[in-house]
Amino acid sequence: MEIQRKIIFYEHYFTDFYLSQSEKVQEKIEYVFKIIRSVKNVPRKFLDSISETDGLFEIRIEFESNIYRIFCCFDKGQIVVLFNGFQKKTQKTPKSEIEKAIKLKEEYFNSKKKKDGNK
């Protein structure tokens, strides 16, 4: 299986979410990550853009009757940067979770600019 994309974590948000899940949910998350890493055109069932945001995406995980979302964005095309994750309890994604992801995305790119500027 050829690697198409690299997945990285920004800060501790995704790790905190991941470690709070059951082993079975973690396995499902790993399965979806494998698809994202290796499939050229990832099905929207697993990865979809969030409307009215500038480049924010959500990774979609379904396990048993539960739905999980992990926010992310792309950096340099092939790097997927993971932000916060949560278990979805309603039809609509909570605005607070989207706002948090937007803030984390801005922080990520700002911290990168600072690092690039210090070189």
PDB file of N, CA and C in Angstrom:
ATOM      1  N   MET A   1       0.845  -1.194   0.000  1.00  0.00           N
ATOM      2  CA  MET A   1       0.000   0.000   0.000  1.00  0.00           C
ATOM      3  C   MET A   1       0.884   1.249   0.000  1.00  0.00           C
ATOM      4  N   GLU A   2       0.665   2.092  -0.973  1.00  0.00           N
ATOM      5  CA  GLU A   2       1.487   3.291  -1.093  1.00  0.00           C
ATOM      6  C   GLU A   2       0.972   4.395  -0.166  1.00  0.00           C
ATOM      7  N   ILE A   3       1.899   5.113   0.423  1.00  0.00           N
ATOM      8  CA  ILE A   3       1.505   6.212   1.309  1.00  0.00           C
ATOM      9  C   ILE A   3       1.245   7.449   0.460  1.00  0.00           C
ATOM     10  N   GLN A   4       0.049   7.987   0.583  1.00  0.00           N
ATOM     11  CA  GLN A   4      -0.319   9.206  -0.130  1.00  0.00           C
ATOM     12  C   GLN A   4      -0.163  10.425   0.774  1.00  0.00           C
ATOM     13  N   ARG A   5      -0.506  10.237   2.046  1.00  0.00           N
ATOM     14  CA  ARG A   5      -0.534  11.359   2.992  1.00  0.00           C
ATOM     15  C   ARG A   5       0.119  10.980   4.311  1.00  0.00           C
ATOM     16  N   LYS A   6       0.563  12.004   5.004  1.00  0.00           N
ATOM     17  CA  LYS A   6       1.131  11.836   6.341  1.00  0.00           C
ATOM     18  C   LYS A   6       0.154  12.481   7.323  1.00  0.00           C
ATOM     19  N   ILE A   7      -0.080  11.833   8.458  1.00  0.00           N
ATOM     20  CA  ILE A   7      -0.973  12.385   9.479  1.00  0.00           C
ATOM     21  C   ILE A   7      -0.133  12.842  10.663  1.00  0.00           C
ATOM     22  N   ILE A   8      -0.315  14.107  11.053  1.00  0.00           N
ATOM     23  CA  ILE A   8       0.388  14.621  12.234  1.00  0.00           C
ATOM     24  C   ILE A   8      -0.634  15.199  13.202  1.00  0.00           C
ATOM     25  N   PHE A   9      -0.234  15.325  14.455  1.00  0.00           N
ATOM     26  CA  PHE A   9      -1.135  15.855  15.489  1.00  0.00           C
ATOM     27  C   PHE A   9      -0.661  17.241  15.883  1.00  0.00           C
ATOM     28  N   TYR A  10      -1.587  18.159  16.006  1.00  0.00           N
ATOM     29  CA  TYR A  10      -1.248  19.487  16.533  1.00  0.00           C
ATOM     30  C   TYR A  10      -1.536  19.497  18.027  1.00  0.00           C
ATOM     31  N   GLU A  11      -0.507  19.767  18.809  1.00  0.00           N
ATOM     32  CA  GLU A  11      -0.610  19.801  20.268  1.00  0.00           C
ATOM     33  C   GLU A  11      -1.133  18.463  20.800  1.00  0.00           C
ATOM     34  N   HIS A  12      -1.955  18.496  21.846  1.00  0.00           N
ATOM     35  CA  HIS A  12      -2.380  17.276  22.551  1.00  0.00           C
ATOM     36  C   HIS A  12      -3.857  16.942  22.323  1.00  0.00           C
ATOM     37  N   TYR A  13      -4.581  17.763  21.561  1.00  0.00           N
ATOM     38  CA  TYR A  13      -6.051  17.639  21.487  1.00  0.00           C
ATOM     39  C   TYR A  13      -6.512  16.293  20.946  1.00  0.00           C
ATOM     40  N   PHE A  14      -5.942  15.874  19.817  1.00  0.00           N
ATOM     41  CA  PHE A  14      -6.364  14.593  19.263  1.00  0.00           C
ATOM     42  C   PHE A  14      -5.975  13.448  20.190  1.00  0.00           C
ATOM     43  N   THR A  15      -4.757  13.470  20.711  1.00  0.00           N
ATOM     44  CA  THR A  15      -4.285  12.386  21.585  1.00  0.00           C
ATOM     45  C   THR A  15      -5.193  12.236  22.803  1.00  0.00           C
ATOM     46  N   ASP A  16      -5.574  13.363  23.409  1.00  0.00           N
ATOM     47  CA  ASP A  16      -6.481  13.318  24.567  1.00  0.00           C
ATOM     48  C   ASP A  16      -7.791  12.622  24.192  1.00  0.00           C
ATOM     49  N   PHE A  17      -8.339  13.005  23.043  1.00  0.00           N
ATOM     50  CA  PHE A  17      -9.590  12.411  22.561  1.00  0.00           C
ATOM     51  C   PHE A  17      -9.397  10.908  22.314  1.00  0.00           C
ATOM     52  N   TYR A  18      -8.345  10.566  21.600  1.00  0.00           N
ATOM     53  CA  TYR A  18      -8.070   9.178  21.221  1.00  0.00           C
ATOM     54  C   TYR A  18      -7.925   8.276  22.456  1.00  0.00           C
ATOM     55  N   LEU A  19      -7.151   8.747  23.416  1.00  0.00           N
ATOM     56  CA  LEU A  19      -6.896   7.927  24.603  1.00  0.00           C
ATOM     57  C   LEU A  19      -8.137   7.749  25.475  1.00  0.00           C
ATOM     58  N   SER A  20      -9.126   8.629  25.305  1.00  0.00           N
ATOM     59  CA  SER A  20     -10.351   8.515  26.105  1.00  0.00           C
ATOM     60  C   SER A  20     -11.363   7.535  25.481  1.00  0.00           C
ATOM     61  N   GLN A  21     -11.033   7.003  24.298  1.00  0.00           N
ATOM     62  CA  GLN A  21     -11.953   6.083  23.611  1.00  0.00           C
ATOM     63  C   GLN A  21     -11.637   4.632  23.962  1.00  0.00           C
ATOM     64  N   SER A  22     -12.632   3.765  23.735  1.00  0.00           N
ATOM     65  CA  SER A  22     -12.426   2.329  23.972  1.00  0.00           C
ATOM     66  C   SER A  22     -11.455   1.778  22.923  1.00  0.00           C
ATOM     67  N   GLU A  23     -10.923   0.605  23.207  1.00  0.00           N
ATOM     68  CA  GLU A  23      -9.985  -0.025  22.277  1.00  0.00           C
ATOM     69  C   GLU A  23     -10.628  -0.237  20.906  1.00  0.00           C
ATOM     70  N   LYS A  24     -11.893  -0.627  20.884  1.00  0.00           N
ATOM     71  CA  LYS A  24     -12.593  -0.879  19.609  1.00  0.00           C
ATOM     72  C   LYS A  24     -12.728   0.412  18.796  1.00  0.00           C
ATOM     73  N   VAL A  25     -13.035   1.515  19.462  1.00  0.00           N
ATOM     74  CA  VAL A  25     -13.153   2.805  18.764  1.00  0.00           C
ATOM     75  C   VAL A  25     -11.767   3.219  18.254  1.00  0.00           C
ATOM     76  N   GLN A  26     -10.736   3.002  19.059  1.00  0.00           N
ATOM     77  CA  GLN A  26      -9.371   3.320  18.618  1.00  0.00           C
ATOM     78  C   GLN A  26      -9.000   2.519  17.367  1.00  0.00           C
ATOM     79  N   GLU A  27      -9.395   1.247  17.330  1.00  0.00           N
ATOM     80  CA  GLU A  27      -9.127   0.409  16.156  1.00  0.00           C
ATOM     81  C   GLU A  27      -9.825   0.969  14.920  1.00  0.00           C
ATOM     82  N   LYS A  28     -11.039   1.422  15.095  1.00  0.00           N
ATOM     83  CA  LYS A  28     -11.792   1.989  13.971  1.00  0.00           C
ATOM     84  C   LYS A  28     -11.132   3.291  13.489  1.00  0.00           C
ATOM     85  N   ILE A  29     -10.677   4.108  14.430  1.00  0.00           N
ATOM     86  CA  ILE A  29      -9.969   5.347  14.077  1.00  0.00           C
ATOM     87  C   ILE A  29      -8.718   4.995  13.257  1.00  0.00           C
ATOM     88  N   GLU A  30      -7.966   3.994  13.706  1.00  0.00           N
ATOM     89  CA  GLU A  30      -6.756   3.561  12.983  1.00  0.00           C
ATOM     90  C   GLU A  30      -7.106   3.091  11.568  1.00  0.00           C
ATOM     91  N   TYR A  31      -8.204   2.373  11.451  1.00  0.00           N
ATOM     92  CA  TYR A  31      -8.660   1.883  10.141  1.00  0.00           C
ATOM     93  C   TYR A  31      -8.929   3.065   9.197  1.00  0.00           C
ATOM     94  N   VAL A  32      -9.651   4.067   9.690  1.00  0.00           N
ATOM     95  CA  VAL A  32      -9.977   5.239   8.868  1.00  0.00           C
ATOM     96  C   VAL A  32      -8.694   6.000   8.517  1.00  0.00           C
ATOM     97  N   PHE A  33      -7.758   6.101   9.464  1.00  0.00           N
ATOM     98  CA  PHE A  33      -6.473   6.762   9.184  1.00  0.00           C
ATOM     99  C   PHE A  33      -5.721   6.049   8.070  1.00  0.00           C
ATOM    100  N   LYS A  34      -5.787   4.716   8.083  1.00  0.00           N
ATOM    101  CA  LYS A  34      -5.105   3.931   7.049  1.00  0.00           C
ATOM    102  C   LYS A  34      -5.679   4.283   5.672  1.00  0.00           C
ATOM    103  N   ILE A  35      -6.982   4.445   5.594  1.00  0.00           N
ATOM    104  CA  ILE A  35      -7.630   4.831   4.338  1.00  0.00           C
ATOM    105  C   ILE A  35      -7.156   6.227   3.921  1.00  0.00           C
ATOM    106  N   ILE A  36      -7.165   7.157   4.868  1.00  0.00           N
ATOM    107  CA  ILE A  36      -6.763   8.531   4.566  1.00  0.00           C
ATOM    108  C   ILE A  36      -5.301   8.586   4.098  1.00  0.00           C
ATOM    109  N   ARG A  37      -4.448   7.779   4.736  1.00  0.00           N
ATOM    110  CA  ARG A  37      -3.032   7.761   4.357  1.00  0.00           C
ATOM    111  C   ARG A  37      -2.811   7.184   2.969  1.00  0.00           C
ATOM    112  N   SER A  38      -3.608   6.202   2.577  1.00  0.00           N
ATOM    113  CA  SER A  38      -3.245   5.414   1.401  1.00  0.00           C
ATOM    114  C   SER A  38      -4.158   5.551   0.184  1.00  0.00           C
ATOM    115  N   VAL A  39      -5.373   6.052   0.349  1.00  0.00           N
ATOM    116  CA  VAL A  39      -6.297   6.134  -0.785  1.00  0.00           C
ATOM    117  C   VAL A  39      -6.196   7.522  -1.410  1.00  0.00           C
ATOM    118  N   LYS A  40      -6.019   7.549  -2.716  1.00  0.00           N
ATOM    119  CA  LYS A  40      -5.845   8.837  -3.394  1.00  0.00           C
ATOM    120  C   LYS A  40      -7.064   9.741  -3.219  1.00  0.00           C
ATOM    121  N   ASN A  41      -8.256   9.218  -3.537  1.00  0.00           N
ATOM    122  CA  ASN A  41      -9.492   9.991  -3.354  1.00  0.00           C
ATOM    123  C   ASN A  41     -10.287   9.374  -2.203  1.00  0.00           C
ATOM    124  N   VAL A  42     -10.144   9.969  -1.046  1.00  0.00           N
ATOM    125  CA  VAL A  42     -10.793   9.430   0.156  1.00  0.00           C
ATOM    126  C   VAL A  42     -12.303   9.655   0.055  1.00  0.00           C
ATOM    127  N   PRO A  43     -13.112   8.596   0.245  1.00  0.00           N
ATOM    128  CA  PRO A  43     -14.572   8.766   0.195  1.00  0.00           C
ATOM    129  C   PRO A  43     -15.061   9.774   1.237  1.00  0.00           C
ATOM    130  N   ARG A  44     -16.081  10.539   0.867  1.00  0.00           N
ATOM    131  CA  ARG A  44     -16.642  11.550   1.776  1.00  0.00           C
ATOM    132  C   ARG A  44     -17.201  10.929   3.047  1.00  0.00           C
ATOM    133  N   LYS A  45     -17.493   9.648   2.979  1.00  0.00           N
ATOM    134  CA  LYS A  45     -17.961   8.924   4.163  1.00  0.00           C
ATOM    135  C   LYS A  45     -16.921   9.013   5.292  1.00  0.00           C
ATOM    136  N   PHE A  46     -15.634   9.125   4.916  1.00  0.00           N
ATOM    137  CA  PHE A  46     -14.544   9.155   5.890  1.00  0.00           C
ATOM    138  C   PHE A  46     -13.922  10.538   6.086  1.00  0.00           C
ATOM    139  N   LEU A  47     -13.975  11.386   5.061  1.00  0.00           N
ATOM    140  CA  LEU A  47     -13.329  12.697   5.139  1.00  0.00           C
ATOM    141  C   LEU A  47     -14.135  13.680   4.302  1.00  0.00           C
ATOM    142  N   ASP A  48     -14.565  14.755   4.938  1.00  0.00           N
ATOM    143  CA  ASP A  48     -15.375  15.726   4.202  1.00  0.00           C
ATOM    144  C   ASP A  48     -15.028  17.135   4.666  1.00  0.00           C
ATOM    145  N   SER A  49     -15.139  18.079   3.743  1.00  0.00           N
ATOM    146  CA  SER A  49     -14.870  19.474   4.121  1.00  0.00           C
ATOM    147  C   SER A  49     -16.069  20.015   4.885  1.00  0.00           C
ATOM    148  N   ILE A  50     -15.793  20.985   5.732  1.00  0.00           N
ATOM    149  CA  ILE A  50     -16.863  21.615   6.504  1.00  0.00           C
ATOM    150  C   ILE A  50     -17.206  22.913   5.807  1.00  0.00           C
ATOM    151  N   SER A  51     -18.461  23.040   5.426  1.00  0.00           N
ATOM    152  CA  SER A  51     -18.864  24.225   4.677  1.00  0.00           C
ATOM    153  C   SER A  51     -18.700  25.481   5.517  1.00  0.00           C
ATOM    154  N   GLU A  52     -18.446  26.556   4.840  1.00  0.00           N
ATOM    155  CA  GLU A  52     -18.293  27.880   5.460  1.00  0.00           C
ATOM    156  C   GLU A  52     -17.091  27.972   6.393  1.00  0.00           C
ATOM    157  N   THR A  53     -16.091  27.124   6.174  1.00  0.00           N
ATOM    158  CA  THR A  53     -14.822  27.262   6.893  1.00  0.00           C
ATOM    159  C   THR A  53     -13.738  27.303   5.829  1.00  0.00           C
ATOM    160  N   ASP A  54     -12.622  27.860   6.165  1.00  0.00           N
ATOM    161  CA  ASP A  54     -11.538  27.985   5.203  1.00  0.00           C
ATOM    162  C   ASP A  54     -10.602  26.789   5.327  1.00  0.00           C
ATOM    163  N   GLY A  55     -10.933  25.725   4.623  1.00  0.00           N
ATOM    164  CA  GLY A  55     -10.037  24.572   4.587  1.00  0.00           C
ATOM    165  C   GLY A  55     -10.091  23.637   5.774  1.00  0.00           C
ATOM    166  N   LEU A  56     -11.185  23.676   6.531  1.00  0.00           N
ATOM    167  CA  LEU A  56     -11.327  22.759   7.662  1.00  0.00           C
ATOM    168  C   LEU A  56     -12.086  21.515   7.191  1.00  0.00           C
ATOM    169  N   PHE A  57     -11.602  20.357   7.626  1.00  0.00           N
ATOM    170  CA  PHE A  57     -12.230  19.078   7.259  1.00  0.00           C
ATOM    171  C   PHE A  57     -12.585  18.313   8.518  1.00  0.00           C
ATOM    172  N   GLU A  58     -13.461  17.323   8.348  1.00  0.00           N
ATOM    173  CA  GLU A  58     -13.723  16.429   9.469  1.00  0.00           C
ATOM    174  C   GLU A  58     -13.528  14.995   9.011  1.00  0.00           C
ATOM    175  N   ILE A  59     -12.838  14.249   9.861  1.00  0.00           N
ATOM    176  CA  ILE A  59     -12.680  12.810   9.647  1.00  0.00           C
ATOM    177  C   ILE A  59     -13.868  12.178  10.348  1.00  0.00           C
ATOM    178  N   ARG A  60     -14.553  11.308   9.628  1.00  0.00           N
ATOM    179  CA  ARG A  60     -15.794  10.722  10.140  1.00  0.00           C
ATOM    180  C   ARG A  60     -15.578   9.269  10.510  1.00  0.00           C
ATOM    181  N   ILE A  61     -15.919   8.955  11.734  1.00  0.00           N
ATOM    182  CA  ILE A  61     -15.780   7.580  12.215  1.00  0.00           C
ATOM    183  C   ILE A  61     -17.112   7.144  12.793  1.00  0.00           C
ATOM    184  N   GLU A  62     -17.577   6.000  12.325  1.00  0.00           N
ATOM    185  CA  GLU A  62     -18.801   5.437  12.888  1.00  0.00           C
ATOM    186  C   GLU A  62     -18.447   4.091  13.475  1.00  0.00           C
ATOM    187  N   PHE A  63     -18.905   3.865  14.687  1.00  0.00           N
ATOM    188  CA  PHE A  63     -18.675   2.581  15.331  1.00  0.00           C
ATOM    189  C   PHE A  63     -19.911   2.215  16.127  1.00  0.00           C
ATOM    190  N   GLU A  64     -20.441   1.029  15.837  1.00  0.00           N
ATOM    191  CA  GLU A  64     -21.710   0.599  16.397  1.00  0.00           C
ATOM    192  C   GLU A  64     -22.707   1.712  16.113  1.00  0.00           C
ATOM    193  N   SER A  65     -23.371   2.270  17.111  1.00  0.00           N
ATOM    194  CA  SER A  65     -24.335   3.326  16.760  1.00  0.00           C
ATOM    195  C   SER A  65     -23.790   4.714  17.119  1.00  0.00           C
ATOM    196  N   ASN A  66     -22.486   4.788  17.353  1.00  0.00           N
ATOM    197  CA  ASN A  66     -21.880   6.066  17.719  1.00  0.00           C
ATOM    198  C   ASN A  66     -21.157   6.706  16.544  1.00  0.00           C
ATOM    199  N   ILE A  67     -21.146   8.014  16.556  1.00  0.00           N
ATOM    200  CA  ILE A  67     -20.479   8.779  15.507  1.00  0.00           C
ATOM    201  C   ILE A  67     -19.425   9.661  16.161  1.00  0.00           C
ATOM    202  N   TYR A  68     -18.241   9.635  15.584  1.00  0.00           N
ATOM    203  CA  TYR A  68     -17.129  10.438  16.094  1.00  0.00           C
ATOM    204  C   TYR A  68     -16.629  11.330  14.970  1.00  0.00           C
ATOM    205  N   ARG A  69     -16.140  12.503  15.358  1.00  0.00           N
ATOM    206  CA  ARG A  69     -15.576  13.428  14.378  1.00  0.00           C
ATOM    207  C   ARG A  69     -14.222  13.901  14.877  1.00  0.00           C
ATOM    208  N   ILE A  70     -13.286  14.014  13.952  1.00  0.00           N
ATOM    209  CA  ILE A  70     -11.971  14.572  14.258  1.00  0.00           C
ATOM    210  C   ILE A  70     -11.729  15.673  13.231  1.00  0.00           C
ATOM    211  N   PHE A  71     -11.491  16.877  13.716  1.00  0.00           N
ATOM    212  CA  PHE A  71     -11.240  17.991  12.800  1.00  0.00           C
ATOM    213  C   PHE A  71      -9.794  17.969  12.340  1.00  0.00           C
ATOM    214  N   CYS A  72      -9.596  18.400  11.099  1.00  0.00           N
ATOM    215  CA  CYS A  72      -8.250  18.429  10.552  1.00  0.00           C
ATOM    216  C   CYS A  72      -8.181  19.435   9.406  1.00  0.00           C
ATOM    217  N   CYS A  73      -6.972  19.657   8.927  1.00  0.00           N
ATOM    218  CA  CYS A  73      -6.783  20.453   7.716  1.00  0.00           C
ATOM    219  C   CYS A  73      -5.591  19.860   6.971  1.00  0.00           C
ATOM    220  N   PHE A  74      -5.366  20.349   5.774  1.00  0.00           N
ATOM    221  CA  PHE A  74      -4.220  19.895   4.992  1.00  0.00           C
ATOM    222  C   PHE A  74      -3.143  20.963   5.034  1.00  0.00           C
ATOM    223  N   ASP A  75      -1.903  20.495   5.090  1.00  0.00           N
ATOM    224  CA  ASP A  75      -0.759  21.398   5.051  1.00  0.00           C
ATOM    225  C   ASP A  75       0.147  20.885   3.935  1.00  0.00           C
ATOM    226  N   LYS A  76       0.513  21.746   3.033  1.00  0.00           N
ATOM    227  CA  LYS A  76       1.355  21.374   1.877  1.00  0.00           C
ATOM    228  C   LYS A  76       0.745  20.198   1.112  1.00  0.00           C
ATOM    229  N   GLY A  77      -0.559  20.125   1.068  1.00  0.00           N
ATOM    230  CA  GLY A  77      -1.227  19.128   0.239  1.00  0.00           C
ATOM    231  C   GLY A  77      -1.285  17.716   0.781  1.00  0.00           C
ATOM    232  N   GLN A  78      -0.155  17.173   1.236  1.00  0.00           N
ATOM    233  CA  GLN A  78      -0.138  15.762   1.628  1.00  0.00           C
ATOM    234  C   GLN A  78      -0.041  15.526   3.126  1.00  0.00           C
ATOM    235  N   ILE A  79      -0.008  16.594   3.914  1.00  0.00           N
ATOM    236  CA  ILE A  79       0.065  16.427   5.363  1.00  0.00           C
ATOM    237  C   ILE A  79      -1.308  16.738   5.951  1.00  0.00           C
ATOM    238  N   VAL A  80      -1.842  15.791   6.711  1.00  0.00           N
ATOM    239  CA  VAL A  80      -3.125  15.994   7.382  1.00  0.00           C
ATOM    240  C   VAL A  80      -2.815  16.331   8.840  1.00  0.00           C
ATOM    241  N   VAL A  81      -3.262  17.506   9.277  1.00  0.00           N
ATOM    242  CA  VAL A  81      -2.996  17.965  10.641  1.00  0.00           C
ATOM    243  C   VAL A  81      -4.264  17.761  11.469  1.00  0.00           C
ATOM    244  N   LEU A  82      -4.165  16.951  12.523  1.00  0.00           N
ATOM    245  CA  LEU A  82      -5.334  16.647  13.350  1.00  0.00           C
ATOM    246  C   LEU A  82      -5.473  17.640  14.497  1.00  0.00           C
ATOM    247  N   PHE A  83      -6.723  18.025  14.743  1.00  0.00           N
ATOM    248  CA  PHE A  83      -7.028  18.925  15.855  1.00  0.00           C
ATOM    249  C   PHE A  83      -7.904  18.180  16.860  1.00  0.00           C
ATOM    250  N   ASN A  84      -8.981  18.803  17.294  1.00  0.00           N
ATOM    251  CA  ASN A  84      -9.849  18.219  18.315  1.00  0.00           C
ATOM    252  C   ASN A  84     -10.782  17.147  17.733  1.00  0.00           C
ATOM    253  N   GLY A  85     -11.184  16.239  18.593  1.00  0.00           N
ATOM    254  CA  GLY A  85     -12.137  15.207  18.219  1.00  0.00           C
ATOM    255  C   GLY A  85     -13.244  15.161  19.254  1.00  0.00           C
ATOM    256  N   PHE A  86     -14.385  14.625  18.877  1.00  0.00           N
ATOM    257  CA  PHE A  86     -15.491  14.514  19.828  1.00  0.00           C
ATOM    258  C   PHE A  86     -16.473  13.453  19.351  1.00  0.00           C
ATOM    259  N   GLN A  87     -17.321  13.021  20.276  1.00  0.00           N
ATOM    260  CA  GLN A  87     -18.389  12.094  19.917  1.00  0.00           C
ATOM    261  C   GLN A  87     -19.611  12.920  19.581  1.00  0.00           C
ATOM    262  N   LYS A  88     -20.181  12.641  18.431  1.00  0.00           N
ATOM    263  CA  LYS A  88     -21.325  13.417  17.963  1.00  0.00           C
ATOM    264  C   LYS A  88     -22.611  12.877  18.574  1.00  0.00           C
ATOM    265  N   LYS A  89     -23.365  13.761  19.193  1.00  0.00           N
ATOM    266  CA  LYS A  89     -24.596  13.333  19.870  1.00  0.00           C
ATOM    267  C   LYS A  89     -25.846  13.810  19.135  1.00  0.00           C
ATOM    268  N   THR A  90     -25.681  14.786  18.239  1.00  0.00           N
ATOM    269  CA  THR A  90     -26.832  15.346  17.530  1.00  0.00           C
ATOM    270  C   THR A  90     -26.545  15.345  16.029  1.00  0.00           C
ATOM    271  N   GLN A  91     -27.556  15.649  15.234  1.00  0.00           N
ATOM    272  CA  GLN A  91     -27.409  15.722  13.780  1.00  0.00           C
ATOM    273  C   GLN A  91     -26.347  16.742  13.384  1.00  0.00           C
ATOM    274  N   LYS A  92     -26.424  17.910  14.009  1.00  0.00           N
ATOM    275  CA  LYS A  92     -25.529  18.996  13.639  1.00  0.00           C
ATOM    276  C   LYS A  92     -24.260  18.978  14.487  1.00  0.00           C
ATOM    277  N   THR A  93     -23.144  19.282  13.831  1.00  0.00           N
ATOM    278  CA  THR A  93     -21.885  19.402  14.562  1.00  0.00           C
ATOM    279  C   THR A  93     -21.961  20.647  15.431  1.00  0.00           C
ATOM    280  N   PRO A  94     -21.661  20.514  16.736  1.00  0.00           N
ATOM    281  CA  PRO A  94     -21.737  21.695  17.616  1.00  0.00           C
ATOM    282  C   PRO A  94     -20.823  22.825  17.136  1.00  0.00           C
ATOM    283  N   LYS A  95     -21.385  24.018  17.100  1.00  0.00           N
ATOM    284  CA  LYS A  95     -20.649  25.196  16.647  1.00  0.00           C
ATOM    285  C   LYS A  95     -19.392  25.409  17.488  1.00  0.00           C
ATOM    286  N   SER A  96     -19.480  25.129  18.786  1.00  0.00           N
ATOM    287  CA  SER A  96     -18.327  25.325  19.672  1.00  0.00           C
ATOM    288  C   SER A  96     -17.143  24.443  19.249  1.00  0.00           C
ATOM    289  N   GLU A  97     -17.431  23.226  18.781  1.00  0.00           N
ATOM    290  CA  GLU A  97     -16.360  22.318  18.343  1.00  0.00           C
ATOM    291  C   GLU A  97     -15.715  22.834  17.053  1.00  0.00           C
ATOM    292  N   ILE A  98     -16.548  23.356  16.140  1.00  0.00           N
ATOM    293  CA  ILE A  98     -16.018  23.919  14.894  1.00  0.00           C
ATOM    294  C   ILE A  98     -15.168  25.149  15.202  1.00  0.00           C
ATOM    295  N   GLU A  99     -15.659  26.002  16.093  1.00  0.00           N
ATOM    296  CA  GLU A  99     -14.910  27.214  16.458  1.00  0.00           C
ATOM    297  C   GLU A  99     -13.567  26.860  17.094  1.00  0.00           C
ATOM    298  N   LYS A 100     -13.573  25.840  17.931  1.00  0.00           N
ATOM    299  CA  LYS A 100     -12.327  25.391  18.562  1.00  0.00           C
ATOM    300  C   LYS A 100     -11.343  24.915  17.486  1.00  0.00           C
ATOM    301  N   ALA A 101     -11.838  24.143  16.523  1.00  0.00           N
ATOM    302  CA  ALA A 101     -10.982  23.625  15.450  1.00  0.00           C
ATOM    303  C   ALA A 101     -10.416  24.764  14.602  1.00  0.00           C
ATOM    304  N   ILE A 102     -11.232  25.766  14.315  1.00  0.00           N
ATOM    305  CA  ILE A 102     -10.763  26.919  13.530  1.00  0.00           C
ATOM    306  C   ILE A 102      -9.638  27.628  14.291  1.00  0.00           C
ATOM    307  N   LYS A 103      -9.834  27.802  15.592  1.00  0.00           N
ATOM    308  CA  LYS A 103      -8.828  28.458  16.431  1.00  0.00           C
ATOM    309  C   LYS A 103      -7.523  27.644  16.430  1.00  0.00           C
ATOM    310  N   LEU A 104      -7.633  26.328  16.553  1.00  0.00           N
ATOM    311  CA  LEU A 104      -6.447  25.473  16.563  1.00  0.00           C
ATOM    312  C   LEU A 104      -5.726  25.514  15.219  1.00  0.00           C
ATOM    313  N   LYS A 105      -6.497  25.552  14.148  1.00  0.00           N
ATOM    314  CA  LYS A 105      -5.909  25.630  12.801  1.00  0.00           C
ATOM    315  C   LYS A 105      -5.114  26.925  12.664  1.00  0.00           C
ATOM    316  N   GLU A 106      -5.688  28.040  13.120  1.00  0.00           N
ATOM    317  CA  GLU A 106      -4.984  29.332  13.061  1.00  0.00           C
ATOM    318  C   GLU A 106      -3.706  29.286  13.899  1.00  0.00           C
ATOM    319  N   GLU A 107      -3.807  28.706  15.098  1.00  0.00           N
ATOM    320  CA  GLU A 107      -2.630  28.575  15.968  1.00  0.00           C
ATOM    321  C   GLU A 107      -1.536  27.758  15.285  1.00  0.00           C
ATOM    322  N   TYR A 108      -1.946  26.661  14.659  1.00  0.00           N
ATOM    323  CA  TYR A 108      -0.986  25.779  13.984  1.00  0.00           C
ATOM    324  C   TYR A 108      -0.217  26.545  12.911  1.00  0.00           C
ATOM    325  N   PHE A 109      -0.948  27.225  12.029  1.00  0.00           N
ATOM    326  CA  PHE A 109      -0.276  27.938  10.938  1.00  0.00           C
ATOM    327  C   PHE A 109       0.523  29.134  11.446  1.00  0.00           C
ATOM    328  N   ASN A 110       0.046  29.804  12.499  1.00  0.00           N
ATOM    329  CA  ASN A 110       0.806  30.913  13.081  1.00  0.00           C
ATOM    330  C   ASN A 110       2.106  30.414  13.703  1.00  0.00           C
ATOM    331  N   SER A 111       2.048  29.274  14.404  1.00  0.00           N
ATOM    332  CA  SER A 111       3.260  28.744  15.036  1.00  0.00           C
ATOM    333  C   SER A 111       4.253  28.286  13.966  1.00  0.00           C
ATOM    334  N   LYS A 112       3.742  27.780  12.841  1.00  0.00           N
ATOM    335  CA  LYS A 112       4.615  27.380  11.732  1.00  0.00           C
ATOM    336  C   LYS A 112       5.314  28.594  11.132  1.00  0.00           C
ATOM    337  N   LYS A 113       4.550  29.680  10.964  1.00  0.00           N
ATOM    338  CA  LYS A 113       5.127  30.917  10.413  1.00  0.00           C
ATOM    339  C   LYS A 113       6.251  31.419  11.304  1.00  0.00           C
ATOM    340  N   LYS A 114       6.011  31.377  12.616  1.00  0.00           N
ATOM    341  CA  LYS A 114       7.039  31.823  13.567  1.00  0.00           C
ATOM    342  C   LYS A 114       8.295  30.960  13.437  1.00  0.00           C
ATOM    343  N   LYS A 115       8.104  29.641  13.358  1.00  0.00           N
ATOM    344  CA  LYS A 115       9.246  28.735  13.220  1.00  0.00           C
ATOM    345  C   LYS A 115      10.000  29.030  11.918  1.00  0.00           C
ATOM    346  N   ASP A 116       9.252  29.200  10.819  1.00  0.00           N
ATOM    347  CA  ASP A 116       9.872  29.480   9.520  1.00  0.00           C
ATOM    348  C   ASP A 116      10.600  30.815   9.549  1.00  0.00           C
ATOM    349  N   GLY A 117      10.043  31.769  10.288  1.00  0.00           N
ATOM    350  CA  GLY A 117      10.641  33.094  10.385  1.00  0.00           C
ATOM    351  C   GLY A 117      11.921  33.097  11.205  1.00  0.00           C
ATOM    352  N   ASN A 118      12.050  32.102  12.091  1.00  0.00           N
ATOM    353  CA  ASN A 118      13.245  32.036  12.955  1.00  0.00           C
ATOM    354  C   ASN A 118      14.405  31.262  12.332  1.00  0.00           C
ATOM    355  N   LYS A 119      14.201  30.768  11.142  1.00  0.00           N
ATOM    356  CA  LYS A 119      15.263  29.957  10.505  1.00  0.00           C
ATOM    357  C   LYS A 119      16.270  30.838   9.807  1.00  0.00           C
TER     358      LYS A 119
END
